[in-house]
Each structure stands twice: as structure tokens, then as C-alpha cells.
């Protein structure tokens, strides 16, 4: 039986820390990681790792570079599932991932306790599943709440 391939992707800082906390959920999967800092590969030994430039809505040229990088990663890995805890580049990845028939999960950062993030509002339109770790935020935005697990 072939293991399900998961692309776990997040920007740095808290997004990356939260993503790493999901590792037990991926035990029976082939997991590929991606983040903005190449040095983060040391935190996921034994797994393929891709780095990418960070980008924000303020730098449109950087987003173009990210789109190309995400497309290349997806073309190379062909994941069954893409899981992210957020960032603009991860939003691009899940959007493109749908073109590759990947199921996608957006987990909005637990730091967004007052409102859904800007990327989260966009992700709920493209992700297979979108959730908040705050029940009130999930209810207000008609997304899922699975608990405050990260």
C-alpha cells in the first residue's frame, strides 16, 4: 500500500512552530516540508525539504517568484494533501495544489484570536477544508473548528 504524500508548508516563526506540532498526525504518511528558512530543514531530518522566498501583498514581484517556486515544488512532489498553518506563499501553494488534485487544509494561526487572517479569508474560498483554532472566529466565518490543538 502506498503511503499518502503530504506537503506540509508554512512560513517561518509561529506558523512553522505550529506546523511542526502536527507531525504526529502525519505518522503514516510520506511527508515533504517547505518553509522560508533553509535552516529549518534541520528540524525535519529524514524528510525532503524545500525553501522558498517569503512574500507579502506589498511586494508583487516576490509573489511572482513564489508562484513559480510553488508550481515547481508541486510538479516535482505531486502531493495527495497539502497542509498549512499559514502565510501568503502557503495560500499560493494550496491554490495551485488544487490544479494537481491535491486535497488542501488551511489551519489559521492560533495567534489570530480576534479575526480570521487576510490569507485565511482567501483560503476559505480555495482550500478543501479551512479551520480556525478559535470557535468564535470559526463560527463567524463559516469555517470549521476542531479545537485549540496547536
Protein backbone atom coordinates (compact mmCIF):
# COMPACT_ATOMS: atom_id res chain seq x y z
CA UNK A 1 0.00 0.00 0.00
CA UNK A 2 1.37 3.40 -0.99
CA UNK A 3 1.64 5.99 1.74
CA UNK A 4 -0.30 9.21 1.28
CA UNK A 5 2.08 12.05 0.40
CA UNK A 6 1.65 15.22 2.46
CA UNK A 7 3.22 18.57 1.67
CA UNK A 8 3.42 20.44 4.97
CA UNK A 9 4.15 24.10 4.30
CA UNK A 10 4.36 27.28 6.36
CA UNK A 11 6.33 30.46 6.59
CA UNK A 12 8.72 30.91 9.49
CA UNK A 13 8.19 31.79 13.13
CA UNK A 14 4.93 30.77 14.77
CA UNK A 15 3.47 29.36 11.56
CA UNK A 16 6.39 26.91 11.30
CA UNK A 17 6.27 26.02 15.01
CA UNK A 18 2.55 25.23 14.75
CA UNK A 19 3.11 23.13 11.62
CA UNK A 20 5.77 21.08 13.39
CA UNK A 21 3.30 20.38 16.20
CA UNK A 22 1.19 18.49 13.65
CA UNK A 23 3.90 15.89 13.00
CA UNK A 24 2.19 13.10 14.98
CA UNK A 25 -0.80 13.39 12.62
CA UNK A 26 1.48 12.54 9.68
CA UNK A 27 2.97 9.34 11.14
CA UNK A 28 1.62 7.03 8.45
CA UNK A 29 2.36 9.43 5.59
CA UNK A 30 5.27 10.36 3.39
CA UNK A 31 5.85 13.98 4.42
CA UNK A 32 7.63 16.69 2.48
CA UNK A 33 8.21 20.02 4.23
CA UNK A 34 8.58 23.55 2.89
CA UNK A 35 9.31 26.83 4.64
CA UNK A 36 11.07 30.15 4.16
CA UNK A 37 14.28 29.32 6.01
CA UNK A 38 16.58 26.67 4.55
CA UNK A 39 17.97 26.09 8.06
CA UNK A 40 14.54 24.77 9.10
CA UNK A 41 15.39 21.55 7.27
CA UNK A 42 17.42 20.58 10.35
CA UNK A 43 14.14 20.36 12.30
CA UNK A 44 12.73 17.70 9.97
CA UNK A 45 15.58 15.23 9.43
CA UNK A 46 14.86 12.35 7.11
CA UNK A 47 12.30 14.32 5.11
CA UNK A 48 12.64 16.17 1.84
CA UNK A 49 12.59 19.91 2.41
CA UNK A 50 12.13 22.91 0.13
CA UNK A 51 12.76 26.52 0.96
CA UNK A 52 11.05 29.46 -0.69
CA UNK A 53 11.23 33.23 -0.50
CA UNK A 54 8.71 34.91 1.73
CA UNK A 55 6.35 37.35 0.05
CA UNK A 56 3.62 39.70 1.12
CA UNK A 57 0.90 41.55 -0.74
CA UNK A 58 3.16 44.61 -0.63
CA UNK A 59 5.73 43.05 -2.97
CA UNK A 60 4.07 41.80 -6.15
CA UNK A 61 7.34 40.78 -7.85
CA UNK A 62 8.20 38.49 -4.94
CA UNK A 63 4.79 36.85 -5.33
CA UNK A 64 5.56 36.02 -8.96
CA UNK A 65 8.76 34.27 -7.87
CA UNK A 66 6.80 32.39 -5.19
CA UNK A 67 4.19 31.24 -7.72
CA UNK A 68 6.94 29.76 -9.90
CA UNK A 69 8.62 28.08 -6.92
CA UNK A 70 5.36 26.60 -5.63
CA UNK A 71 4.45 25.31 -9.07
CA UNK A 72 7.87 23.65 -9.34
CA UNK A 73 7.55 22.03 -5.88
CA UNK A 74 4.07 20.72 -6.70
CA UNK A 75 5.15 19.45 -10.10
CA UNK A 76 8.08 17.63 -8.55
CA UNK A 77 6.31 16.19 -5.48
CA UNK A 78 2.68 15.71 -6.62
CA UNK A 79 1.31 15.61 -3.05
CA UNK A 80 -2.03 14.00 -2.23
CA UNK A 81 -2.59 16.51 0.57
CA UNK A 82 -1.25 19.98 1.36
CA UNK A 83 -1.44 21.16 4.96
CA UNK A 84 -0.54 24.67 6.06
CA UNK A 85 -0.69 26.82 9.14
CA UNK A 86 -0.50 29.93 7.06
CA UNK A 87 1.25 32.68 5.18
CA UNK A 88 0.79 34.23 1.76
CA UNK A 89 3.11 31.79 -0.04
CA UNK A 90 1.25 28.85 1.51
CA UNK A 91 -2.00 30.33 0.18
CA UNK A 92 -0.47 30.29 -3.28
CA UNK A 93 0.59 26.68 -2.76
CA UNK A 94 -2.88 25.46 -1.79
CA UNK A 95 -4.42 27.41 -4.66
CA UNK A 96 -2.05 25.78 -7.14
CA UNK A 97 -2.39 22.46 -5.36
CA UNK A 98 -6.00 22.22 -6.40
CA UNK A 99 -4.77 22.15 -10.03
CA UNK A 100 -2.85 19.00 -9.09
CA UNK A 101 -5.96 17.45 -7.48
CA UNK A 102 -4.45 17.73 -4.00
CA UNK A 103 -6.77 17.99 -1.04
CA UNK A 104 -5.86 21.08 0.96
CA UNK A 105 -6.15 22.08 4.61
CA UNK A 106 -5.68 25.65 5.84
CA UNK A 107 -5.29 25.98 9.62
CA UNK A 108 -5.44 29.65 10.53
CA UNK A 109 -2.82 30.64 13.08
CA UNK A 110 -3.85 30.43 16.71
CA UNK A 111 -2.47 33.98 17.03
CA UNK A 112 -5.49 35.22 15.06
CA UNK A 113 -7.79 35.24 18.07
CA UNK A 114 -9.90 38.27 17.10
CA UNK A 115 -10.42 37.73 13.38
CA UNK A 116 -9.57 35.41 10.53
CA UNK A 117 -6.28 36.36 8.86
CA UNK A 118 -6.31 38.05 5.46
CA UNK A 119 -4.87 34.90 3.88
CA UNK A 120 -7.37 32.80 5.85
CA UNK A 121 -10.29 34.75 4.36
CA UNK A 122 -8.93 33.95 0.90
CA UNK A 123 -8.08 30.36 1.81
CA UNK A 124 -11.64 29.57 2.81
CA UNK A 125 -12.58 30.11 -0.84
CA UNK A 126 -9.96 27.74 -2.27
CA UNK A 127 -8.99 25.20 0.40
CA UNK A 128 -10.72 21.84 0.64
CA UNK A 129 -11.03 22.45 4.39
CA UNK A 130 -10.37 25.65 6.31
CA UNK A 131 -10.38 25.96 10.07
CA UNK A 132 -9.72 28.31 12.93
CA UNK A 133 -8.43 27.33 16.34
CA UNK A 134 -10.88 29.78 17.89
CA UNK A 135 -14.50 28.62 17.98
CA UNK A 136 -15.93 32.15 17.77
CA UNK A 137 -13.82 33.01 14.71
CA UNK A 138 -14.78 29.73 13.03
CA UNK A 139 -18.49 30.39 13.61
CA UNK A 140 -18.28 34.00 12.39
CA UNK A 141 -16.54 32.90 9.18
CA UNK A 142 -18.46 29.68 8.49
CA UNK A 143 -15.33 27.56 8.70
CA UNK A 144 -14.50 24.54 10.81
CA UNK A 145 -13.35 24.38 14.41
CA UNK A 146 -11.51 21.24 15.56
CA UNK A 147 -10.28 22.63 18.86
CA UNK A 148 -7.28 24.63 20.02
CA UNK A 149 -4.77 21.96 19.32
CA UNK A 150 -1.66 23.85 18.31
